Amino acid sequence: MLLYIGPGVGVATIVIVGIVLLIVLASILVVLWRPIKRMISRFKGDK
């Protein structure tokens, strides 16, 4: 019984994994935003 931590650790682990996944997806989106924006403006013909 001394090593039992409780159900909160499992919930916290799921939340932390979700936050890390959101950070990774957001960073990929930020890196790809300029090339996507440039490609869209080329298709529209704007300068």
Protein backbone atom coordinates (compact mmCIF):
# COMPACT_ATOMS: atom_id res chain seq x y z
CA MET A 1 0.00 0.00 0.00
CA LEU A 2 3.00 2.27 0.39
CA LEU A 3 3.69 2.37 -3.37
CA TYR A 4 0.12 3.22 -4.38
CA ILE A 5 0.04 6.74 -5.82
CA GLY A 6 -3.57 7.05 -6.86
CA PRO A 7 -5.71 7.61 -9.93
CA GLY A 8 -4.60 11.23 -10.29
CA VAL A 9 -1.25 10.21 -11.74
CA GLY A 10 -2.91 8.42 -14.66
CA VAL A 11 -5.09 11.43 -15.42
CA ALA A 12 -2.10 13.76 -15.16
CA THR A 13 -0.12 11.54 -17.54
CA ILE A 14 -2.90 11.65 -20.12
CA VAL A 15 -3.16 15.44 -19.81
CA ILE A 16 0.61 15.91 -20.13
CA VAL A 17 0.75 13.68 -23.23
CA GLY A 18 -2.10 15.69 -24.75
CA ILE A 19 -0.34 18.97 -24.04
CA VAL A 20 2.90 17.70 -25.58
CA LEU A 21 1.04 16.54 -28.70
CA LEU A 22 -0.64 19.95 -29.01
CA ILE A 23 2.72 21.71 -28.69
CA VAL A 24 4.24 19.50 -31.39
CA LEU A 25 1.31 20.05 -33.76
CA ALA A 26 1.33 23.80 -33.14
CA SER A 27 5.07 24.04 -33.80
CA ILE A 28 4.72 22.10 -37.07
CA LEU A 29 1.89 24.42 -38.10
CA VAL A 30 3.96 27.52 -37.29
CA VAL A 31 6.92 26.20 -39.31
CA LEU A 32 4.72 25.36 -42.31
CA TRP A 33 2.56 28.51 -42.18
CA ARG A 34 4.80 30.76 -44.31
CA PRO A 35 5.28 28.33 -47.23
CA ILE A 36 1.54 27.57 -47.24
CA LYS A 37 0.72 31.28 -47.17
CA ARG A 38 3.18 31.97 -49.97
CA MET A 39 1.72 29.14 -52.07
CA ILE A 40 -1.83 30.44 -51.57
CA SER A 41 -0.82 33.95 -52.59
CA ARG A 42 0.84 32.56 -55.75
CA PHE A 43 -2.37 30.77 -56.73
CA LYS A 44 -4.37 33.95 -56.19
CA GLY A 45 -1.86 36.02 -58.17
CA ASP A 46 -1.26 38.57 -55.42
CA LYS A 47 2.15 40.06 -54.79
